[in-house]
Amino acid sequence: QAVSKWECGTSYPDIEMLPIIANVFKVSTDYLLGVDITKQGNEIADIIAKSKLLCDNKRFSEAVMLLRNALIQYPSNCEIMYWLAWNLRGTIKEHPEHEQDATNIYRKILNVSKDSELVCRVTRDLAYCYCTLDDIQTARAYIGMLPPFEVCREYHLGRGNVLEGKELAEALQNNI
């Protein structure tokens, strides 16, 4: 009955019914709601690429505007949040309050992200933020949360003899 009324446009199904309906038709709830995950992923990737280009050209304020607008559309996207915080830090000479804004965004990412690589980047950046704020004790606490050197990729490329000679030197140099 819920599907019939929905198809006829006379009502919407109860939100609690969406997983059941999705299961019956073997589709995702995003599909039922008309959300195109691939399109969103591409849009987010484009936004981040544009922000990186602006950042590379020291146009931090423009990147901040772009990313703040993107967060209106994608409010829970941790990558957009990360690049916003990163670019806010690029504006702290003109806007010292942005250091605290960036710190708050980074802490929010730590609370919600399940991406271990992103969590490591954020933890590293928080350590730098707290150094800038002259809070060395908190900076050390964040540094203490980072994985030890023995688990980093570069260490194992050399130690595991996966790369040798010029190839190893180039890989290490690219990651300095």
N, C-alpha and C. Protein backbone atom coordinates (compact mmCIF):
# COMPACT_ATOMS: atom_id res chain seq x y z
N GLN A 1 0.83 -1.20 0.00
CA GLN A 1 0.00 0.00 0.00
C GLN A 1 0.88 1.26 0.00
N ALA A 2 1.95 1.26 0.82
CA ALA A 2 2.85 2.42 0.88
C ALA A 2 3.47 2.69 -0.48
N VAL A 3 3.90 1.63 -1.17
CA VAL A 3 4.52 1.79 -2.48
C VAL A 3 3.50 2.30 -3.49
N SER A 4 2.30 1.76 -3.46
CA SER A 4 1.25 2.18 -4.39
C SER A 4 0.95 3.67 -4.25
N LYS A 5 0.77 4.13 -3.02
CA LYS A 5 0.49 5.57 -2.81
C LYS A 5 1.68 6.42 -3.24
N TRP A 6 2.88 5.90 -3.00
CA TRP A 6 4.08 6.63 -3.38
C TRP A 6 4.16 6.72 -4.90
N GLU A 7 3.91 5.62 -5.60
CA GLU A 7 3.96 5.60 -7.06
C GLU A 7 2.90 6.52 -7.66
N CYS A 8 1.75 6.60 -7.03
CA CYS A 8 0.68 7.47 -7.53
C CYS A 8 0.90 8.93 -7.17
N GLY A 9 1.87 9.20 -6.30
CA GLY A 9 2.17 10.56 -5.90
C GLY A 9 1.19 11.13 -4.89
N THR A 10 0.40 10.28 -4.24
CA THR A 10 -0.56 10.79 -3.26
C THR A 10 0.04 10.92 -1.87
N SER A 11 1.15 10.21 -1.61
CA SER A 11 1.81 10.34 -0.31
C SER A 11 3.22 9.75 -0.40
N TYR A 12 3.96 9.94 0.66
CA TYR A 12 5.29 9.37 0.78
C TYR A 12 5.24 8.25 1.81
N PRO A 13 6.10 7.24 1.64
CA PRO A 13 6.10 6.17 2.63
C PRO A 13 6.67 6.66 3.95
N ASP A 14 6.26 6.01 5.01
CA ASP A 14 6.81 6.27 6.33
C ASP A 14 8.31 6.00 6.25
N ILE A 15 9.12 6.86 6.85
CA ILE A 15 10.57 6.71 6.78
C ILE A 15 11.03 5.36 7.30
N GLU A 16 10.32 4.79 8.24
CA GLU A 16 10.67 3.48 8.77
C GLU A 16 10.47 2.37 7.74
N MET A 17 9.66 2.63 6.72
CA MET A 17 9.40 1.64 5.68
C MET A 17 10.48 1.62 4.59
N LEU A 18 11.26 2.69 4.49
CA LEU A 18 12.24 2.79 3.40
C LEU A 18 13.22 1.61 3.36
N PRO A 19 13.81 1.19 4.47
CA PRO A 19 14.72 0.03 4.38
C PRO A 19 13.99 -1.25 3.92
N ILE A 20 12.76 -1.41 4.35
CA ILE A 20 11.99 -2.59 3.95
C ILE A 20 11.71 -2.56 2.45
N ILE A 21 11.26 -1.40 1.97
CA ILE A 21 10.97 -1.24 0.54
C ILE A 21 12.25 -1.46 -0.27
N ALA A 22 13.36 -0.87 0.19
CA ALA A 22 14.64 -1.03 -0.52
C ALA A 22 15.03 -2.50 -0.58
N ASN A 23 14.81 -3.21 0.50
CA ASN A 23 15.15 -4.63 0.54
C ASN A 23 14.29 -5.44 -0.43
N VAL A 24 13.00 -5.13 -0.50
CA VAL A 24 12.10 -5.84 -1.41
C VAL A 24 12.56 -5.68 -2.86
N PHE A 25 12.95 -4.46 -3.21
CA PHE A 25 13.35 -4.18 -4.60
C PHE A 25 14.86 -4.36 -4.83
N LYS A 26 15.56 -4.76 -3.78
CA LYS A 26 17.01 -5.01 -3.85
C LYS A 26 17.77 -3.78 -4.37
N VAL A 27 17.43 -2.62 -3.80
CA VAL A 27 18.11 -1.37 -4.10
C VAL A 27 18.46 -0.69 -2.78
N SER A 28 19.26 0.35 -2.83
CA SER A 28 19.60 1.10 -1.63
C SER A 28 18.52 2.13 -1.33
N THR A 29 18.50 2.59 -0.09
CA THR A 29 17.56 3.67 0.25
C THR A 29 17.95 4.95 -0.49
N ASP A 30 19.25 5.14 -0.73
CA ASP A 30 19.68 6.29 -1.52
C ASP A 30 19.05 6.26 -2.91
N TYR A 31 19.00 5.08 -3.52
CA TYR A 31 18.40 4.93 -4.83
C TYR A 31 16.91 5.30 -4.78
N LEU A 32 16.22 4.80 -3.76
CA LEU A 32 14.79 5.12 -3.62
C LEU A 32 14.56 6.62 -3.51
N LEU A 33 15.48 7.29 -2.82
CA LEU A 33 15.32 8.73 -2.60
C LEU A 33 15.90 9.57 -3.73
N GLY A 34 16.46 8.90 -4.73
CA GLY A 34 16.98 9.63 -5.88
C GLY A 34 18.35 10.24 -5.66
N VAL A 35 19.09 9.71 -4.71
CA VAL A 35 20.43 10.22 -4.44
C VAL A 35 21.41 9.47 -5.33
N ASP A 36 22.19 10.20 -6.10
CA ASP A 36 23.18 9.60 -6.99
C ASP A 36 24.54 9.69 -6.32
N ILE A 37 24.98 8.60 -5.70
CA ILE A 37 26.22 8.56 -4.94
C ILE A 37 27.43 8.85 -5.84
N THR A 38 27.44 8.32 -7.04
CA THR A 38 28.56 8.53 -7.96
C THR A 38 28.68 10.00 -8.31
N LYS A 39 27.55 10.63 -8.61
CA LYS A 39 27.54 12.05 -8.95
C LYS A 39 28.05 12.87 -7.77
N GLN A 40 27.57 12.55 -6.56
CA GLN A 40 28.03 13.26 -5.37
C GLN A 40 29.53 13.11 -5.19
N GLY A 41 30.03 11.88 -5.34
CA GLY A 41 31.46 11.62 -5.21
C GLY A 41 32.28 12.44 -6.20
N ASN A 42 31.79 12.52 -7.43
CA ASN A 42 32.49 13.32 -8.45
C ASN A 42 32.45 14.80 -8.12
N GLU A 43 31.30 15.28 -7.64
CA GLU A 43 31.19 16.69 -7.27
C GLU A 43 32.13 17.02 -6.12
N ILE A 44 32.18 16.15 -5.14
CA ILE A 44 33.06 16.38 -3.99
C ILE A 44 34.51 16.35 -4.43
N ALA A 45 34.89 15.40 -5.28
CA ALA A 45 36.26 15.32 -5.79
C ALA A 45 36.62 16.59 -6.56
N ASP A 46 35.69 17.13 -7.35
CA ASP A 46 35.94 18.37 -8.10
C ASP A 46 36.14 19.55 -7.15
N ILE A 47 35.31 19.63 -6.12
CA ILE A 47 35.43 20.72 -5.15
C ILE A 47 36.79 20.66 -4.46
N ILE A 48 37.18 19.47 -4.03
CA ILE A 48 38.46 19.32 -3.34
C ILE A 48 39.61 19.65 -4.28
N ALA A 49 39.53 19.20 -5.54
CA ALA A 49 40.58 19.51 -6.51
C ALA A 49 40.70 21.02 -6.72
N LYS A 50 39.57 21.70 -6.83
CA LYS A 50 39.59 23.17 -6.99
C LYS A 50 40.20 23.83 -5.76
N SER A 51 39.84 23.33 -4.57
CA SER A 51 40.38 23.93 -3.35
C SER A 51 41.89 23.72 -3.25
N LYS A 52 42.37 22.55 -3.68
CA LYS A 52 43.81 22.29 -3.66
C LYS A 52 44.54 23.22 -4.62
N LEU A 53 43.96 23.44 -5.79
CA LEU A 53 44.56 24.35 -6.75
C LEU A 53 44.63 25.77 -6.19
N LEU A 54 43.54 26.21 -5.57
CA LEU A 54 43.54 27.53 -4.93
C LEU A 54 44.60 27.60 -3.83
N CYS A 55 44.69 26.55 -3.04
CA CYS A 55 45.67 26.47 -1.96
C CYS A 55 47.09 26.54 -2.52
N ASP A 56 47.35 25.77 -3.58
CA ASP A 56 48.67 25.77 -4.20
C ASP A 56 49.07 27.16 -4.68
N ASN A 57 48.06 27.95 -5.05
CA ASN A 57 48.31 29.31 -5.53
C ASN A 57 48.15 30.36 -4.43
N LYS A 58 48.15 29.89 -3.18
CA LYS A 58 48.06 30.76 -1.99
C LYS A 58 46.80 31.62 -1.98
N ARG A 59 45.73 31.09 -2.57
CA ARG A 59 44.44 31.80 -2.60
C ARG A 59 43.53 31.14 -1.57
N PHE A 60 44.01 31.16 -0.31
CA PHE A 60 43.34 30.46 0.78
C PHE A 60 41.93 30.97 1.05
N SER A 61 41.75 32.28 1.01
CA SER A 61 40.41 32.84 1.30
C SER A 61 39.38 32.37 0.28
N GLU A 62 39.77 32.29 -0.98
CA GLU A 62 38.85 31.79 -2.01
C GLU A 62 38.54 30.31 -1.77
N ALA A 63 39.55 29.55 -1.37
CA ALA A 63 39.34 28.13 -1.07
C ALA A 63 38.40 27.98 0.12
N VAL A 64 38.57 28.83 1.13
CA VAL A 64 37.69 28.79 2.31
C VAL A 64 36.25 29.03 1.90
N MET A 65 36.02 30.04 1.04
CA MET A 65 34.65 30.32 0.58
C MET A 65 34.07 29.13 -0.18
N LEU A 66 34.85 28.57 -1.08
CA LEU A 66 34.41 27.41 -1.87
C LEU A 66 34.03 26.25 -0.94
N LEU A 67 34.87 25.97 0.03
CA LEU A 67 34.65 24.83 0.91
C LEU A 67 33.52 25.07 1.91
N ARG A 68 33.37 26.30 2.38
CA ARG A 68 32.23 26.60 3.27
C ARG A 68 30.91 26.39 2.51
N ASN A 69 30.87 26.82 1.26
CA ASN A 69 29.67 26.60 0.45
C ASN A 69 29.44 25.12 0.19
N ALA A 70 30.52 24.38 -0.02
CA ALA A 70 30.39 22.94 -0.25
C ALA A 70 29.84 22.23 0.99
N LEU A 71 30.22 22.71 2.17
CA LEU A 71 29.71 22.09 3.40
C LEU A 71 28.23 22.33 3.60
N ILE A 72 27.69 23.35 2.98
CA ILE A 72 26.24 23.56 3.04
C ILE A 72 25.55 22.42 2.30
N GLN A 73 26.12 22.03 1.18
CA GLN A 73 25.55 20.95 0.37
C GLN A 73 25.89 19.57 0.92
N TYR A 74 27.11 19.43 1.47
CA TYR A 74 27.58 18.14 1.99
C TYR A 74 28.08 18.32 3.42
N PRO A 75 27.17 18.55 4.36
CA PRO A 75 27.57 18.95 5.72
C PRO A 75 28.33 17.90 6.52
N SER A 76 28.27 16.65 6.14
CA SER A 76 28.96 15.63 6.92
C SER A 76 30.18 15.06 6.21
N ASN A 77 30.63 15.70 5.14
CA ASN A 77 31.77 15.18 4.40
C ASN A 77 33.08 15.57 5.07
N CYS A 78 33.77 14.59 5.60
CA CYS A 78 35.00 14.84 6.36
C CYS A 78 36.14 15.36 5.50
N GLU A 79 36.22 14.96 4.24
CA GLU A 79 37.29 15.47 3.36
C GLU A 79 37.10 16.97 3.10
N ILE A 80 35.87 17.38 2.87
CA ILE A 80 35.62 18.81 2.69
C ILE A 80 35.95 19.56 3.97
N MET A 81 35.55 19.00 5.11
CA MET A 81 35.89 19.63 6.39
C MET A 81 37.41 19.74 6.55
N TYR A 82 38.11 18.66 6.19
CA TYR A 82 39.57 18.67 6.34
C TYR A 82 40.19 19.79 5.52
N TRP A 83 39.80 19.90 4.25
CA TRP A 83 40.41 20.92 3.40
C TRP A 83 39.99 22.33 3.80
N LEU A 84 38.80 22.46 4.38
CA LEU A 84 38.40 23.76 4.92
C LEU A 84 39.33 24.14 6.07
N ALA A 85 39.54 23.22 7.00
CA ALA A 85 40.43 23.50 8.13
C ALA A 85 41.84 23.82 7.64
N TRP A 86 42.32 23.04 6.68
CA TRP A 86 43.66 23.25 6.13
C TRP A 86 43.79 24.67 5.55
N ASN A 87 42.78 25.09 4.78
CA ASN A 87 42.83 26.42 4.16
C ASN A 87 42.59 27.54 5.15
N LEU A 88 41.79 27.28 6.18
CA LEU A 88 41.63 28.28 7.24
C LEU A 88 42.98 28.59 7.88
N ARG A 89 43.79 27.56 8.05
CA ARG A 89 45.11 27.77 8.63
C ARG A 89 45.99 28.63 7.72
N GLY A 90 45.70 28.62 6.43
CA GLY A 90 46.45 29.46 5.51
C GLY A 90 46.11 30.93 5.62
N THR A 91 45.03 31.24 6.33
CA THR A 91 44.59 32.64 6.46
C THR A 91 44.83 33.22 7.85
N ILE A 92 45.57 32.51 8.70
CA ILE A 92 45.66 32.96 10.11
C ILE A 92 46.44 34.26 10.29
N LYS A 93 47.29 34.63 9.34
CA LYS A 93 47.97 35.93 9.47
C LYS A 93 46.95 37.06 9.40
N GLU A 94 46.01 36.94 8.45
CA GLU A 94 44.98 37.97 8.29
C GLU A 94 43.83 37.79 9.28
N HIS A 95 43.56 36.54 9.64
CA HIS A 95 42.43 36.21 10.51
C HIS A 95 42.89 35.24 11.60
N PRO A 96 43.51 35.73 12.67
CA PRO A 96 44.02 34.83 13.72
C PRO A 96 42.96 33.91 14.31
N GLU A 97 41.70 34.35 14.28
CA GLU A 97 40.62 33.53 14.84
C GLU A 97 40.41 32.24 14.03
N HIS A 98 40.91 32.21 12.81
CA HIS A 98 40.75 31.01 11.98
C HIS A 98 41.53 29.82 12.52
N GLU A 99 42.57 30.07 13.32
CA GLU A 99 43.30 28.96 13.93
C GLU A 99 42.37 28.16 14.83
N GLN A 100 41.57 28.86 15.63
CA GLN A 100 40.63 28.16 16.51
C GLN A 100 39.52 27.49 15.70
N ASP A 101 39.06 28.16 14.63
CA ASP A 101 38.05 27.55 13.76
C ASP A 101 38.57 26.24 13.16
N ALA A 102 39.80 26.27 12.67
CA ALA A 102 40.40 25.07 12.09
C ALA A 102 40.53 23.96 13.13
N THR A 103 40.96 24.34 14.31
CA THR A 103 41.10 23.37 15.40
C THR A 103 39.77 22.71 15.73
N ASN A 104 38.71 23.50 15.78
CA ASN A 104 37.38 22.95 16.07
C ASN A 104 36.92 21.98 14.98
N ILE A 105 37.19 22.34 13.73
CA ILE A 105 36.82 21.46 12.61
C ILE A 105 37.61 20.16 12.68
N TYR A 106 38.90 20.28 12.94
CA TYR A 106 39.72 19.06 13.05
C TYR A 106 39.20 18.15 14.15
N ARG A 107 38.86 18.73 15.30
CA ARG A 107 38.36 17.90 16.41
C ARG A 107 37.04 17.23 16.04
N LYS A 108 36.20 17.95 15.29
CA LYS A 108 34.93 17.35 14.85
C LYS A 108 35.21 16.14 13.94
N ILE A 109 36.18 16.29 13.04
CA ILE A 109 36.52 15.18 12.15
C ILE A 109 36.97 13.97 12.96
N LEU A 110 37.79 14.20 13.97
CA LEU A 110 38.25 13.09 14.80
C LEU A 110 37.08 12.36 15.46
N ASN A 111 36.04 13.11 15.80
CA ASN A 111 34.88 12.51 16.46
C ASN A 111 34.01 11.68 15.52
N VAL A 112 34.04 11.98 14.22
CA VAL A 112 33.10 11.31 13.32
C VAL A 112 33.74 10.42 12.25
N SER A 113 35.00 10.65 11.93
CA SER A 113 35.61 9.93 10.81
C SER A 113 36.01 8.50 11.19
N LYS A 114 35.78 7.60 10.25
CA LYS A 114 36.21 6.20 10.39
C LYS A 114 37.41 5.91 9.49
N ASP A 115 37.87 6.93 8.76
CA ASP A 115 38.98 6.80 7.81
C ASP A 115 40.30 6.97 8.56
N SER A 116 41.05 5.88 8.73
CA SER A 116 42.26 5.92 9.56
C SER A 116 43.33 6.85 8.99
N GLU A 117 43.45 6.91 7.67
CA GLU A 117 44.44 7.81 7.06
C GLU A 117 44.08 9.27 7.33
N LEU A 118 42.81 9.60 7.20
CA LEU A 118 42.35 10.96 7.48
C LEU A 118 42.54 11.29 8.96
N VAL A 119 42.23 10.35 9.82
CA VAL A 119 42.40 10.57 11.27
C VAL A 119 43.87 10.87 11.58
N CYS A 120 44.80 10.18 10.93
CA CYS A 120 46.23 10.45 11.15
C CYS A 120 46.60 11.85 10.67
N ARG A 121 46.11 12.25 9.49
CA ARG A 121 46.40 13.60 8.99
C ARG A 121 45.85 14.66 9.93
N VAL A 122 44.62 14.44 10.40
CA VAL A 122 43.99 15.41 11.29
C VAL A 122 44.74 15.49 12.61
N THR A 123 45.14 14.35 13.13
CA THR A 123 45.88 14.32 14.40
C THR A 123 47.19 15.08 14.26
N ARG A 124 47.89 14.84 13.16
CA ARG A 124 49.13 15.57 12.88
C ARG A 124 48.87 17.08 12.81
N ASP A 125 47.83 17.46 12.08
CA ASP A 125 47.54 18.88 11.93
C ASP A 125 47.11 19.52 13.24
N LEU A 126 46.39 18.78 14.07
CA LEU A 126 46.02 19.31 15.38
C LEU A 126 47.26 19.57 16.23
N ALA A 127 48.23 18.68 16.14
CA ALA A 127 49.48 18.90 16.88
C ALA A 127 50.10 20.23 16.46
N TYR A 128 50.13 20.50 15.14
CA TYR A 128 50.67 21.76 14.65
C TYR A 128 49.83 22.95 15.10
N CYS A 129 48.51 22.79 15.07
CA CYS A 129 47.63 23.87 15.53
C CYS A 129 47.94 24.25 16.98
N TYR A 130 48.05 23.24 17.82
CA TYR A 130 48.30 23.53 19.24
C TYR A 130 49.69 24.09 19.46
N CYS A 131 50.66 23.72 18.62
CA CYS A 131 51.98 24.36 18.70
C CYS A 131 51.85 25.85 18.37
N THR A 132 51.09 26.16 17.32
CA THR A 132 50.87 27.55 16.93
C THR A 132 50.18 28.33 18.04
N LEU A 133 49.29 27.66 18.76
CA LEU A 133 48.57 28.30 19.87
C LEU A 133 49.39 28.28 21.16
N ASP A 134 50.65 27.82 21.08
CA ASP A 134 51.56 27.71 22.23
C ASP A 134 51.04 26.80 23.33
N ASP A 135 50.27 25.80 22.95
CA ASP A 135 49.80 24.79 23.89
C ASP A 135 50.58 23.50 23.62
N ILE A 136 51.81 23.50 24.08
CA ILE A 136 52.73 22.40 23.79
C ILE A 136 52.27 21.10 24.42
N GLN A 137 51.68 21.17 25.59
CA GLN A 137 51.22 19.94 26.25
C GLN A 137 50.16 19.23 25.41
N THR A 138 49.19 19.99 24.88
CA THR A 138 48.16 19.38 24.04
C THR A 138 48.76 18.91 22.71
N ALA A 139 49.69 19.69 22.16
CA ALA A 139 50.36 19.27 20.92
C ALA A 139 51.05 17.93 21.13
N ARG A 140 51.74 17.78 22.25
CA ARG A 140 52.43 16.51 22.55
C ARG A 140 51.43 15.37 22.70
N ALA A 141 50.28 15.67 23.29
CA ALA A 141 49.26 14.63 23.45
C ALA A 141 48.79 14.13 22.08
N TYR A 142 48.58 15.05 21.14
CA TYR A 142 48.16 14.63 19.80
C TYR A 142 49.29 13.88 19.09
N ILE A 143 50.52 14.34 19.24
CA ILE A 143 51.64 13.63 18.64
C ILE A 143 51.72 12.21 19.19
N GLY A 144 51.42 12.06 20.47
CA GLY A 144 51.43 10.73 21.08
C GLY A 144 50.36 9.80 20.52
N MET A 145 49.34 10.34 19.90
CA MET A 145 48.27 9.52 19.30
C MET A 145 48.64 9.00 17.91
N LEU A 146 49.68 9.58 17.31
CA LEU A 146 50.08 9.16 15.97
C LEU A 146 50.74 7.79 16.02
N PRO A 147 50.61 7.03 14.94
CA PRO A 147 51.25 5.71 14.92
C PRO A 147 52.77 5.86 14.94
N PRO A 148 53.45 4.86 15.47
CA PRO A 148 54.91 4.92 15.50
C PRO A 148 55.50 4.79 14.10
N PHE A 149 56.74 5.19 13.99
CA PHE A 149 57.45 5.18 12.72
C PHE A 149 57.46 3.79 12.08
N GLU A 150 57.53 2.75 12.90
CA GLU A 150 57.64 1.40 12.37
C GLU A 150 56.44 0.98 11.52
N VAL A 151 55.32 1.69 11.62
CA VAL A 151 54.15 1.29 10.84
C VAL A 151 53.94 2.18 9.61
N CYS A 152 54.90 3.07 9.33
CA CYS A 152 54.71 3.93 8.16
C CYS A 152 55.17 3.23 6.88
N ARG A 153 54.57 3.59 5.80
CA ARG A 153 54.81 3.01 4.48
C ARG A 153 56.28 3.16 4.06
N GLU A 154 56.84 4.33 4.25
CA GLU A 154 58.20 4.59 3.79
C GLU A 154 59.21 3.69 4.49
N TYR A 155 59.02 3.47 5.77
CA TYR A 155 59.91 2.60 6.54
C TYR A 155 59.92 1.19 5.94
N HIS A 156 58.76 0.70 5.62
CA HIS A 156 58.65 -0.67 5.13
C HIS A 156 59.05 -0.83 3.67
N LEU A 157 58.96 0.23 2.89
CA LEU A 157 59.44 0.15 1.50
C LEU A 157 60.93 -0.14 1.49
N GLY A 158 61.66 0.49 2.39
CA GLY A 158 63.11 0.25 2.46
C GLY A 158 63.46 -1.01 3.22
N ARG A 159 62.85 -1.20 4.37
CA ARG A 159 63.19 -2.33 5.23
C ARG A 159 62.77 -3.67 4.62
N GLY A 160 61.64 -3.68 3.95
CA GLY A 160 61.15 -4.92 3.38
C GLY A 160 61.77 -5.27 2.04
N ASN A 161 62.72 -4.44 1.60
CA ASN A 161 63.37 -4.66 0.30
C ASN A 161 62.36 -4.74 -0.84
N VAL A 162 61.26 -4.03 -0.69
CA VAL A 162 60.25 -3.98 -1.75
C VAL A 162 60.76 -3.10 -2.89
N LEU A 163 61.43 -2.03 -2.51
CA LEU A 163 62.06 -1.15 -3.49
C LEU A 163 63.55 -1.11 -3.19
N GLU A 164 64.34 -0.90 -4.22
CA GLU A 164 65.79 -0.83 -4.03
C GLU A 164 66.37 0.28 -4.90
N GLY A 165 67.55 0.69 -4.54
CA GLY A 165 68.32 1.64 -5.34
C GLY A 165 67.59 2.93 -5.66
N LYS A 166 67.64 3.27 -6.95
CA LYS A 166 67.08 4.54 -7.41
C LYS A 166 65.57 4.62 -7.16
N GLU A 167 64.88 3.50 -7.34
CA GLU A 167 63.43 3.46 -7.12
C GLU A 167 63.09 3.77 -5.65
N LEU A 168 63.86 3.22 -4.72
CA LEU A 168 63.66 3.50 -3.29
C LEU A 168 63.98 4.95 -2.98
N ALA A 169 65.08 5.44 -3.52
CA ALA A 169 65.48 6.84 -3.28
C ALA A 169 64.40 7.80 -3.77
N GLU A 170 63.85 7.54 -4.95
CA GLU A 170 62.80 8.41 -5.50
C GLU A 170 61.53 8.35 -4.65
N ALA A 171 61.15 7.15 -4.22
CA ALA A 171 59.96 7.01 -3.39
C ALA A 171 60.11 7.75 -2.08
N LEU A 172 61.29 7.63 -1.46
CA LEU A 172 61.53 8.33 -0.19
C LEU A 172 61.59 9.83 -0.39
N GLN A 173 62.22 10.27 -1.46
CA GLN A 173 62.34 11.71 -1.72
C GLN A 173 60.96 12.32 -1.99
N ASN A 174 60.09 11.60 -2.66
CA ASN A 174 58.75 12.11 -2.95
C ASN A 174 57.89 12.23 -1.70
N ASN A 175 58.29 11.57 -0.63
CA ASN A 175 57.50 11.58 0.59
C ASN A 175 58.15 12.37 1.72
N ILE A 176 59.18 13.12 1.41
CA ILE A 176 59.84 13.94 2.43
C ILE A 176 59.04 15.19 2.67
